């Protein structure tokens, strides 16, 4: 009976590796296909409108009075310097 245990265990390990590999490949393919389908959707690409400064690559701060009153001095200094703010 001991003679059969090693080949049986080896077959079980090989079988589980095969099933796991196939399952992983199927899951990977499904996520890759859905990601490719999402990125090639023209409605997604045209739905987002670029910000005013995105075309020329320059940061354009939000100077709305309601936004400005809640803004910290450090953030305002970064905006005034033309930097993308990194502080709240």
Foldseek 3Di string as FASTA:
>chain_A
DVVPPVVVVVVVVVVVVVVVVVVVVVVVVVVVVVVVVVVPDVCVVPVDDDDPCVVVVFDADDPPVVVVVPDDPQQVVCVVVRHHDPDD
